[in-house]
Amino acid sequence: MNFTTAVRTCFKKYTDFSGVATRPEYWWFALFNSLGSLLLGLTGISFLRLLWFLAVIVPGLSVLFRRHHDAGRSGW
């Protein structure tokens, strides 16, 4: 799984809190989120940072819970 596939998968499955997420899917999305936050943080425009946060919070939680399921733990 490459970077773009992982990010697309996370946004497609943003309401799916069941199932599993592979390790590359989780870490590519974490990198995407970190880079986006860093770049928007450097701009200093808090409105864009808030929009970014709102756009990635649910997909981020979803992939986190699915990753926990893949590791054999409860996401909750």
N, C-alpha and C. Protein backbone atom coordinates (compact mmCIF):
# COMPACT_ATOMS: atom_id res chain seq x y z
N MET A 1 0.85 -1.17 0.00
CA MET A 1 0.00 0.00 0.00
C MET A 1 0.90 1.23 0.00
N ASN A 2 0.61 2.15 -0.91
CA ASN A 2 1.42 3.36 -0.97
C ASN A 2 0.70 4.52 -0.28
N PHE A 3 1.32 5.68 -0.30
CA PHE A 3 0.84 6.85 0.42
C PHE A 3 -0.57 7.26 -0.03
N THR A 4 -0.75 7.44 -1.32
CA THR A 4 -2.04 7.93 -1.81
C THR A 4 -3.15 6.90 -1.60
N THR A 5 -2.86 5.65 -1.77
CA THR A 5 -3.86 4.60 -1.55
C THR A 5 -4.30 4.58 -0.09
N ALA A 6 -3.35 4.70 0.81
CA ALA A 6 -3.66 4.68 2.23
C ALA A 6 -4.53 5.86 2.63
N VAL A 7 -4.21 7.03 2.14
CA VAL A 7 -4.99 8.23 2.49
C VAL A 7 -6.40 8.13 1.90
N ARG A 8 -6.50 7.68 0.67
CA ARG A 8 -7.82 7.52 0.05
C ARG A 8 -8.65 6.49 0.82
N THR A 9 -8.03 5.40 1.21
CA THR A 9 -8.74 4.37 1.95
C THR A 9 -9.25 4.91 3.27
N CYS A 10 -8.45 5.69 3.96
CA CYS A 10 -8.88 6.25 5.24
C CYS A 10 -10.06 7.19 5.07
N PHE A 11 -10.05 7.99 4.02
CA PHE A 11 -11.17 8.90 3.80
C PHE A 11 -12.41 8.17 3.28
N LYS A 12 -12.22 7.08 2.56
CA LYS A 12 -13.37 6.30 2.09
C LYS A 12 -14.04 5.55 3.25
N LYS A 13 -13.23 5.09 4.19
CA LYS A 13 -13.74 4.29 5.31
C LYS A 13 -13.85 5.12 6.59
N TYR A 14 -14.10 6.40 6.47
CA TYR A 14 -14.06 7.25 7.65
C TYR A 14 -15.18 6.98 8.64
N THR A 15 -16.25 6.32 8.21
CA THR A 15 -17.33 5.98 9.15
C THR A 15 -17.28 4.53 9.59
N ASP A 16 -16.31 3.78 9.12
CA ASP A 16 -16.19 2.36 9.43
C ASP A 16 -15.25 2.18 10.62
N PHE A 17 -15.83 2.00 11.80
CA PHE A 17 -15.03 1.81 13.00
C PHE A 17 -14.84 0.33 13.32
N SER A 18 -15.32 -0.53 12.44
CA SER A 18 -15.11 -1.96 12.62
C SER A 18 -14.21 -2.45 11.48
N GLY A 19 -13.75 -3.65 11.59
CA GLY A 19 -12.83 -4.16 10.59
C GLY A 19 -11.40 -3.90 11.00
N VAL A 20 -10.50 -3.98 10.04
CA VAL A 20 -9.09 -3.82 10.34
C VAL A 20 -8.44 -2.81 9.41
N ALA A 21 -7.33 -2.26 9.87
CA ALA A 21 -6.50 -1.38 9.06
C ALA A 21 -5.08 -1.92 9.13
N THR A 22 -4.43 -1.99 8.01
CA THR A 22 -3.06 -2.51 8.00
C THR A 22 -2.11 -1.49 8.61
N ARG A 23 -0.95 -1.97 8.96
CA ARG A 23 0.06 -1.10 9.54
C ARG A 23 0.46 0.03 8.59
N PRO A 24 0.73 -0.27 7.29
CA PRO A 24 1.07 0.83 6.39
C PRO A 24 -0.06 1.85 6.23
N GLU A 25 -1.30 1.38 6.21
CA GLU A 25 -2.43 2.31 6.09
C GLU A 25 -2.45 3.29 7.26
N TYR A 26 -2.26 2.79 8.45
CA TYR A 26 -2.26 3.64 9.64
C TYR A 26 -1.10 4.64 9.61
N TRP A 27 0.10 4.14 9.33
CA TRP A 27 1.26 5.03 9.41
C TRP A 27 1.32 6.02 8.26
N TRP A 28 0.86 5.66 7.06
CA TRP A 28 0.81 6.62 5.96
C TRP A 28 -0.19 7.73 6.29
N PHE A 29 -1.33 7.37 6.89
CA PHE A 29 -2.29 8.40 7.26
C PHE A 29 -1.74 9.27 8.38
N ALA A 30 -1.01 8.69 9.31
CA ALA A 30 -0.39 9.48 10.37
C ALA A 30 0.62 10.47 9.78
N LEU A 31 1.40 10.03 8.79
CA LEU A 31 2.34 10.92 8.13
C LEU A 31 1.61 12.04 7.39
N PHE A 32 0.53 11.69 6.68
CA PHE A 32 -0.28 12.68 5.97
C PHE A 32 -0.81 13.73 6.95
N ASN A 33 -1.34 13.27 8.07
CA ASN A 33 -1.88 14.18 9.07
C ASN A 33 -0.79 15.06 9.68
N SER A 34 0.35 14.48 9.96
CA SER A 34 1.45 15.25 10.54
C SER A 34 1.99 16.30 9.58
N LEU A 35 2.17 15.92 8.33
CA LEU A 35 2.67 16.88 7.34
C LEU A 35 1.68 18.01 7.11
N GLY A 36 0.41 17.66 7.01
CA GLY A 36 -0.61 18.70 6.85
C GLY A 36 -0.66 19.64 8.03
N SER A 37 -0.59 19.10 9.24
CA SER A 37 -0.60 19.94 10.44
C SER A 37 0.63 20.83 10.50
N LEU A 38 1.77 20.27 10.14
CA LEU A 38 3.01 21.05 10.15
C LEU A 38 2.96 22.19 9.14
N LEU A 39 2.54 21.89 7.94
CA LEU A 39 2.48 22.93 6.92
C LEU A 39 1.48 24.02 7.27
N LEU A 40 0.33 23.65 7.78
CA LEU A 40 -0.65 24.66 8.17
C LEU A 40 -0.22 25.40 9.42
N GLY A 41 0.53 24.74 10.29
CA GLY A 41 1.05 25.41 11.47
C GLY A 41 2.07 26.48 11.11
N LEU A 42 2.82 26.24 10.06
CA LEU A 42 3.82 27.23 9.62
C LEU A 42 3.17 28.46 9.00
N THR A 43 1.96 28.32 8.47
CA THR A 43 1.28 29.47 7.88
C THR A 43 0.80 30.44 8.95
N GLY A 44 0.47 29.93 10.12
CA GLY A 44 0.01 30.80 11.20
C GLY A 44 -1.45 31.18 11.10
N ILE A 45 -2.17 30.60 10.16
CA ILE A 45 -3.59 30.92 9.99
C ILE A 45 -4.39 29.89 10.78
N SER A 46 -4.92 30.32 11.90
CA SER A 46 -5.59 29.37 12.80
C SER A 46 -6.88 28.82 12.19
N PHE A 47 -7.55 29.57 11.33
CA PHE A 47 -8.77 29.09 10.71
C PHE A 47 -8.50 27.86 9.84
N LEU A 48 -7.40 27.88 9.08
CA LEU A 48 -7.04 26.73 8.25
C LEU A 48 -6.67 25.53 9.11
N ARG A 49 -6.01 25.78 10.22
CA ARG A 49 -5.66 24.68 11.13
C ARG A 49 -6.90 24.05 11.72
N LEU A 50 -7.89 24.86 12.05
CA LEU A 50 -9.15 24.34 12.57
C LEU A 50 -9.87 23.52 11.51
N LEU A 51 -9.91 24.00 10.29
CA LEU A 51 -10.54 23.24 9.21
C LEU A 51 -9.83 21.91 8.98
N TRP A 52 -8.50 21.92 9.03
CA TRP A 52 -7.73 20.68 8.88
C TRP A 52 -8.10 19.69 9.98
N PHE A 53 -8.12 20.18 11.20
CA PHE A 53 -8.46 19.32 12.33
C PHE A 53 -9.84 18.70 12.16
N LEU A 54 -10.81 19.51 11.77
CA LEU A 54 -12.16 19.01 11.58
C LEU A 54 -12.25 18.01 10.42
N ALA A 55 -11.40 18.19 9.43
CA ALA A 55 -11.43 17.30 8.26
C ALA A 55 -10.80 15.95 8.55
N VAL A 56 -9.84 15.87 9.46
CA VAL A 56 -9.11 14.62 9.67
C VAL A 56 -9.39 13.94 11.00
N ILE A 57 -10.19 14.54 11.87
CA ILE A 57 -10.40 13.93 13.19
C ILE A 57 -11.17 12.62 13.10
N VAL A 58 -12.25 12.57 12.35
CA VAL A 58 -13.05 11.33 12.27
C VAL A 58 -12.30 10.25 11.48
N PRO A 59 -11.71 10.56 10.31
CA PRO A 59 -10.93 9.51 9.63
C PRO A 59 -9.75 9.03 10.48
N GLY A 60 -9.13 9.93 11.23
CA GLY A 60 -8.01 9.54 12.08
C GLY A 60 -8.43 8.59 13.19
N LEU A 61 -9.56 8.89 13.82
CA LEU A 61 -10.06 8.00 14.87
C LEU A 61 -10.49 6.66 14.28
N SER A 62 -11.10 6.71 13.11
CA SER A 62 -11.54 5.48 12.47
C SER A 62 -10.37 4.55 12.16
N VAL A 63 -9.31 5.09 11.56
CA VAL A 63 -8.16 4.24 11.23
C VAL A 63 -7.45 3.79 12.51
N LEU A 64 -7.45 4.60 13.54
CA LEU A 64 -6.86 4.20 14.82
C LEU A 64 -7.61 3.02 15.42
N PHE A 65 -8.94 3.08 15.42
CA PHE A 65 -9.73 1.98 15.97
C PHE A 65 -9.57 0.72 15.13
N ARG A 66 -9.58 0.87 13.80
CA ARG A 66 -9.41 -0.30 12.94
C ARG A 66 -8.02 -0.90 13.11
N ARG A 67 -7.02 -0.09 13.35
CA ARG A 67 -5.66 -0.60 13.59
C ARG A 67 -5.61 -1.39 14.89
N HIS A 68 -6.29 -0.91 15.92
CA HIS A 68 -6.35 -1.65 17.16
C HIS A 68 -7.03 -3.00 16.97
N HIS A 69 -8.09 -3.03 16.16
CA HIS A 69 -8.74 -4.30 15.88
C HIS A 69 -7.80 -5.26 15.17
N ASP A 70 -6.98 -4.75 14.27
CA ASP A 70 -6.02 -5.60 13.55
C ASP A 70 -4.98 -6.17 14.50
N ALA A 71 -4.65 -5.41 15.53
CA ALA A 71 -3.65 -5.88 16.50
C ALA A 71 -4.26 -6.77 17.57
N GLY A 72 -5.57 -7.00 17.49
CA GLY A 72 -6.21 -7.89 18.45
C GLY A 72 -6.68 -7.21 19.71
N ARG A 73 -6.79 -5.88 19.69
CA ARG A 73 -7.24 -5.14 20.87
C ARG A 73 -8.56 -4.45 20.55
N SER A 74 -9.24 -4.04 21.56
CA SER A 74 -10.49 -3.30 21.37
C SER A 74 -10.16 -1.85 21.04
N GLY A 75 -10.84 -1.29 20.08
CA GLY A 75 -10.62 0.10 19.74
C GLY A 75 -11.20 1.05 20.79
N TRP A 76 -12.20 0.57 21.52
CA TRP A 76 -12.85 1.39 22.52
C TRP A 76 -12.12 1.27 23.83
